[in-house]
């Protein structure tokens, strides 16, 4: 009797989409580590080339202090998302809704009359700026886990 077992080999063809996602996740992690090495992962400031105006509120810059957020903030963000969308947050660092919620709570910037940006203000930002802010929030979450 042959003692060799018939073991199936893994498929030679790998899933290109999964490979792409893995490369993107690795790039995000590497970028977050680089930001941590530079010492800037606990806060982020975006300075607008021209002031950003939304519903009569003008912002020259937006500053976010991620390290000041608490566990209570995290639970409140999750609760707000569940109430608004009916969906639970599975992975905060990959949820645009969660990252936007973090940004609203971590933003310390005010207009000349003392108003802070709300969720709608952040959602009205140019896409590139919005993605930079969410990327900084994501990096903070990734680095907090390391």
C-alpha atoms as a PDB file:
ATOM      1  CA  UNK A   1       0.000   0.000   0.000  1.00  0.00           C
ATOM      2  CA  UNK A   2       1.242   3.470  -0.930  1.00  0.00           C
ATOM      3  CA  UNK A   3       1.823   5.675   2.097  1.00  0.00           C
ATOM      4  CA  UNK A   4       1.555   8.874   0.075  1.00  0.00           C
ATOM      5  CA  UNK A   5      -1.626  10.791   0.620  1.00  0.00           C
ATOM      6  CA  UNK A   6      -3.495  12.482  -2.144  1.00  0.00           C
ATOM      7  CA  UNK A   7      -3.161  16.108  -1.071  1.00  0.00           C
ATOM      8  CA  UNK A   8      -4.673  18.763  -3.281  1.00  0.00           C
ATOM      9  CA  UNK A   9      -2.356  21.498  -4.325  1.00  0.00           C
ATOM     10  CA  UNK A  10      -3.454  25.090  -3.997  1.00  0.00           C
ATOM     11  CA  UNK A  11      -4.725  26.535  -7.218  1.00  0.00           C
ATOM     12  CA  UNK A  12      -2.004  27.956  -9.393  1.00  0.00           C
ATOM     13  CA  UNK A  13      -4.287  30.812 -10.355  1.00  0.00           C
ATOM     14  CA  UNK A  14      -4.567  33.406  -7.632  1.00  0.00           C
ATOM     15  CA  UNK A  15      -7.280  36.009  -7.404  1.00  0.00           C
ATOM     16  CA  UNK A  16      -5.952  39.257  -8.946  1.00  0.00           C
ATOM     17  CA  UNK A  17      -8.488  41.355  -7.038  1.00  0.00           C
ATOM     18  CA  UNK A  18      -7.386  39.896  -3.710  1.00  0.00           C
ATOM     19  CA  UNK A  19      -3.751  40.450  -4.632  1.00  0.00           C
ATOM     20  CA  UNK A  20      -4.525  44.091  -5.466  1.00  0.00           C
ATOM     21  CA  UNK A  21      -6.340  44.556  -2.136  1.00  0.00           C
ATOM     22  CA  UNK A  22      -3.422  42.994  -0.277  1.00  0.00           C
ATOM     23  CA  UNK A  23      -0.982  45.364  -2.023  1.00  0.00           C
ATOM     24  CA  UNK A  24      -3.190  48.352  -1.157  1.00  0.00           C
ATOM     25  CA  UNK A  25      -3.446  47.279   2.491  1.00  0.00           C
ATOM     26  CA  UNK A  26       0.340  46.862   2.660  1.00  0.00           C
ATOM     27  CA  UNK A  27       0.848  50.315   1.111  1.00  0.00           C
ATOM     28  CA  UNK A  28      -1.526  51.852   3.681  1.00  0.00           C
ATOM     29  CA  UNK A  29       0.314  50.172   6.525  1.00  0.00           C
ATOM     30  CA  UNK A  30       3.705  51.286   5.160  1.00  0.00           C
ATOM     31  CA  UNK A  31       2.459  54.881   4.786  1.00  0.00           C
ATOM     32  CA  UNK A  32       1.116  54.837   8.335  1.00  0.00           C
ATOM     33  CA  UNK A  33       4.432  53.538   9.673  1.00  0.00           C
ATOM     34  CA  UNK A  34       6.291  56.266   7.771  1.00  0.00           C
ATOM     35  CA  UNK A  35       3.972  58.880   9.266  1.00  0.00           C
ATOM     36  CA  UNK A  36       4.554  57.438  12.733  1.00  0.00           C
ATOM     37  CA  UNK A  37       8.312  57.582  12.233  1.00  0.00           C
ATOM     38  CA  UNK A  38       7.926  61.275  11.387  1.00  0.00           C
ATOM     39  CA  UNK A  39       6.006  61.698  14.656  1.00  0.00           C
ATOM     40  CA  UNK A  40       2.877  63.213  13.121  1.00  0.00           C
ATOM     41  CA  UNK A  41       0.239  60.537  13.427  1.00  0.00           C
ATOM     42  CA  UNK A  42      -1.654  61.921  16.431  1.00  0.00           C
ATOM     43  CA  UNK A  43      -2.798  65.059  14.671  1.00  0.00           C
ATOM     44  CA  UNK A  44      -3.315  66.461  11.193  1.00  0.00           C
ATOM     45  CA  UNK A  45      -3.784  69.968   9.798  1.00  0.00           C
ATOM     46  CA  UNK A  46      -4.948  70.843   6.306  1.00  0.00           C
ATOM     47  CA  UNK A  47      -4.362  74.407   5.125  1.00  0.00           C
ATOM     48  CA  UNK A  48      -6.558  75.472   2.201  1.00  0.00           C
ATOM     49  CA  UNK A  49      -4.898  77.352  -0.673  1.00  0.00           C
ATOM     50  CA  UNK A  50      -8.034  79.471  -0.836  1.00  0.00           C
ATOM     51  CA  UNK A  51     -10.456  79.547   2.105  1.00  0.00           C
ATOM     52  CA  UNK A  52     -13.139  76.852   2.054  1.00  0.00           C
ATOM     53  CA  UNK A  53     -16.658  78.264   2.330  1.00  0.00           C
ATOM     54  CA  UNK A  54     -19.728  76.153   3.068  1.00  0.00           C
ATOM     55  CA  UNK A  55     -23.148  77.503   4.035  1.00  0.00           C
ATOM     56  CA  UNK A  56     -21.650  80.862   4.963  1.00  0.00           C
ATOM     57  CA  UNK A  57     -18.924  79.320   7.149  1.00  0.00           C
ATOM     58  CA  UNK A  58     -15.340  80.057   6.077  1.00  0.00           C
ATOM     59  CA  UNK A  59     -12.350  77.910   7.012  1.00  0.00           C
ATOM     60  CA  UNK A  60      -8.702  78.768   6.271  1.00  0.00           C
ATOM     61  CA  UNK A  61      -7.522  75.461   7.696  1.00  0.00           C
ATOM     62  CA  UNK A  62      -8.815  72.407   9.523  1.00  0.00           C
ATOM     63  CA  UNK A  63      -6.930  70.869  12.442  1.00  0.00           C
ATOM     64  CA  UNK A  64      -7.654  67.389  13.780  1.00  0.00           C
ATOM     65  CA  UNK A  65      -6.362  65.988  17.077  1.00  0.00           C
ATOM     66  CA  UNK A  66      -6.943  62.242  16.817  1.00  0.00           C
ATOM     67  CA  UNK A  67      -5.159  61.473  20.104  1.00  0.00           C
ATOM     68  CA  UNK A  68      -7.782  63.467  22.036  1.00  0.00           C
ATOM     69  CA  UNK A  69     -10.607  61.122  21.003  1.00  0.00           C
ATOM     70  CA  UNK A  70     -11.839  58.685  23.643  1.00  0.00           C
ATOM     71  CA  UNK A  71     -13.573  55.335  23.792  1.00  0.00           C
ATOM     72  CA  UNK A  72     -16.796  57.265  24.412  1.00  0.00           C
ATOM     73  CA  UNK A  73     -16.257  59.091  21.106  1.00  0.00           C
ATOM     74  CA  UNK A  74     -15.779  55.767  19.325  1.00  0.00           C
ATOM     75  CA  UNK A  75     -19.005  54.317  20.722  1.00  0.00           C
ATOM     76  CA  UNK A  76     -20.907  57.517  19.927  1.00  0.00           C
ATOM     77  CA  UNK A  77     -19.667  57.447  16.311  1.00  0.00           C
ATOM     78  CA  UNK A  78     -20.773  53.828  15.953  1.00  0.00           C
ATOM     79  CA  UNK A  79     -24.172  54.643  17.469  1.00  0.00           C
ATOM     80  CA  UNK A  80     -24.658  57.628  15.123  1.00  0.00           C
ATOM     81  CA  UNK A  81     -23.854  55.460  12.098  1.00  0.00           C
ATOM     82  CA  UNK A  82     -26.200  52.705  13.238  1.00  0.00           C
ATOM     83  CA  UNK A  83     -29.004  55.223  13.795  1.00  0.00           C
ATOM     84  CA  UNK A  84     -28.438  57.003  10.470  1.00  0.00           C
ATOM     85  CA  UNK A  85     -27.824  53.989   8.216  1.00  0.00           C
ATOM     86  CA  UNK A  86     -29.139  50.959  10.087  1.00  0.00           C
ATOM     87  CA  UNK A  87     -25.739  49.282   9.639  1.00  0.00           C
ATOM     88  CA  UNK A  88     -23.174  48.385  12.246  1.00  0.00           C
ATOM     89  CA  UNK A  89     -19.528  49.308  11.772  1.00  0.00           C
ATOM     90  CA  UNK A  90     -17.495  46.163  11.192  1.00  0.00           C
ATOM     91  CA  UNK A  91     -14.018  47.632  10.720  1.00  0.00           C
ATOM     92  CA  UNK A  92     -13.715  51.310  11.698  1.00  0.00           C
ATOM     93  CA  UNK A  93     -10.454  51.900   9.862  1.00  0.00           C
ATOM     94  CA  UNK A  94     -12.069  50.862   6.561  1.00  0.00           C
ATOM     95  CA  UNK A  95     -15.390  52.650   7.058  1.00  0.00           C
ATOM     96  CA  UNK A  96     -15.651  56.064   5.416  1.00  0.00           C
ATOM     97  CA  UNK A  97     -18.616  56.867   7.660  1.00  0.00           C
ATOM     98  CA  UNK A  98     -16.614  56.071  10.777  1.00  0.00           C
ATOM     99  CA  UNK A  99     -13.555  58.043   9.609  1.00  0.00           C
ATOM    100  CA  UNK A 100     -15.768  61.060   8.819  1.00  0.00           C
ATOM    101  CA  UNK A 101     -17.312  60.754  12.295  1.00  0.00           C
ATOM    102  CA  UNK A 102     -13.834  60.764  13.803  1.00  0.00           C
ATOM    103  CA  UNK A 103     -12.972  63.882  11.815  1.00  0.00           C
ATOM    104  CA  UNK A 104     -16.045  65.761  13.045  1.00  0.00           C
ATOM    105  CA  UNK A 105     -15.226  64.944  16.667  1.00  0.00           C
ATOM    106  CA  UNK A 106     -11.460  65.520  16.392  1.00  0.00           C
ATOM    107  CA  UNK A 107     -11.649  68.844  14.525  1.00  0.00           C
ATOM    108  CA  UNK A 108     -10.676  71.809  16.685  1.00  0.00           C
ATOM    109  CA  UNK A 109     -10.934  74.462  13.955  1.00  0.00           C
ATOM    110  CA  UNK A 110     -13.518  77.223  14.253  1.00  0.00           C
ATOM    111  CA  UNK A 111     -14.817  79.957  11.979  1.00  0.00           C
ATOM    112  CA  UNK A 112     -14.360  83.615  12.920  1.00  0.00           C
ATOM    113  CA  UNK A 113     -17.698  83.448  14.766  1.00  0.00           C
ATOM    114  CA  UNK A 114     -16.727  80.272  16.666  1.00  0.00           C
ATOM    115  CA  UNK A 115     -18.603  77.641  14.622  1.00  0.00           C
ATOM    116  CA  UNK A 116     -17.001  74.265  14.108  1.00  0.00           C
ATOM    117  CA  UNK A 117     -17.451  72.116  11.000  1.00  0.00           C
ATOM    118  CA  UNK A 118     -20.220  69.528  11.135  1.00  0.00           C
ATOM    119  CA  UNK A 119     -20.603  66.286   9.182  1.00  0.00           C
ATOM    120  CA  UNK A 120     -22.199  68.017   6.189  1.00  0.00           C
ATOM    121  CA  UNK A 121     -19.366  70.537   6.034  1.00  0.00           C
ATOM    122  CA  UNK A 122     -16.776  67.754   5.910  1.00  0.00           C
ATOM    123  CA  UNK A 123     -18.752  65.840   3.289  1.00  0.00           C
ATOM    124  CA  UNK A 124     -18.797  68.998   1.127  1.00  0.00           C
ATOM    125  CA  UNK A 125     -14.984  69.229   1.071  1.00  0.00           C
ATOM    126  CA  UNK A 126     -13.216  68.618  -2.241  1.00  0.00           C
ATOM    127  CA  UNK A 127     -12.626  64.883  -2.630  1.00  0.00           C
ATOM    128  CA  UNK A 128      -8.837  65.112  -2.382  1.00  0.00           C
ATOM    129  CA  UNK A 129      -9.007  67.043   0.895  1.00  0.00           C
ATOM    130  CA  UNK A 130     -11.668  64.708   2.310  1.00  0.00           C
ATOM    131  CA  UNK A 131      -9.524  61.673   1.426  1.00  0.00           C
ATOM    132  CA  UNK A 132      -6.415  63.208   3.043  1.00  0.00           C
ATOM    133  CA  UNK A 133      -8.359  63.764   6.264  1.00  0.00           C
ATOM    134  CA  UNK A 134      -9.829  60.257   6.225  1.00  0.00           C
ATOM    135  CA  UNK A 135      -6.391  58.828   5.400  1.00  0.00           C
ATOM    136  CA  UNK A 136      -4.902  60.574   8.419  1.00  0.00           C
ATOM    137  CA  UNK A 137      -7.684  59.202  10.639  1.00  0.00           C
ATOM    138  CA  UNK A 138      -7.123  55.705   9.195  1.00  0.00           C
ATOM    139  CA  UNK A 139      -3.378  55.963   9.807  1.00  0.00           C
ATOM    140  CA  UNK A 140      -4.055  56.922  13.403  1.00  0.00           C
ATOM    141  CA  UNK A 141      -6.253  53.846  13.893  1.00  0.00           C
ATOM    142  CA  UNK A 142      -3.699  51.553  12.237  1.00  0.00           C
ATOM    143  CA  UNK A 143      -0.835  52.922  14.280  1.00  0.00           C
ATOM    144  CA  UNK A 144      -2.864  52.736  17.492  1.00  0.00           C
ATOM    145  CA  UNK A 145      -3.077  48.966  16.954  1.00  0.00           C
ATOM    146  CA  UNK A 146       0.659  48.435  16.391  1.00  0.00           C
END
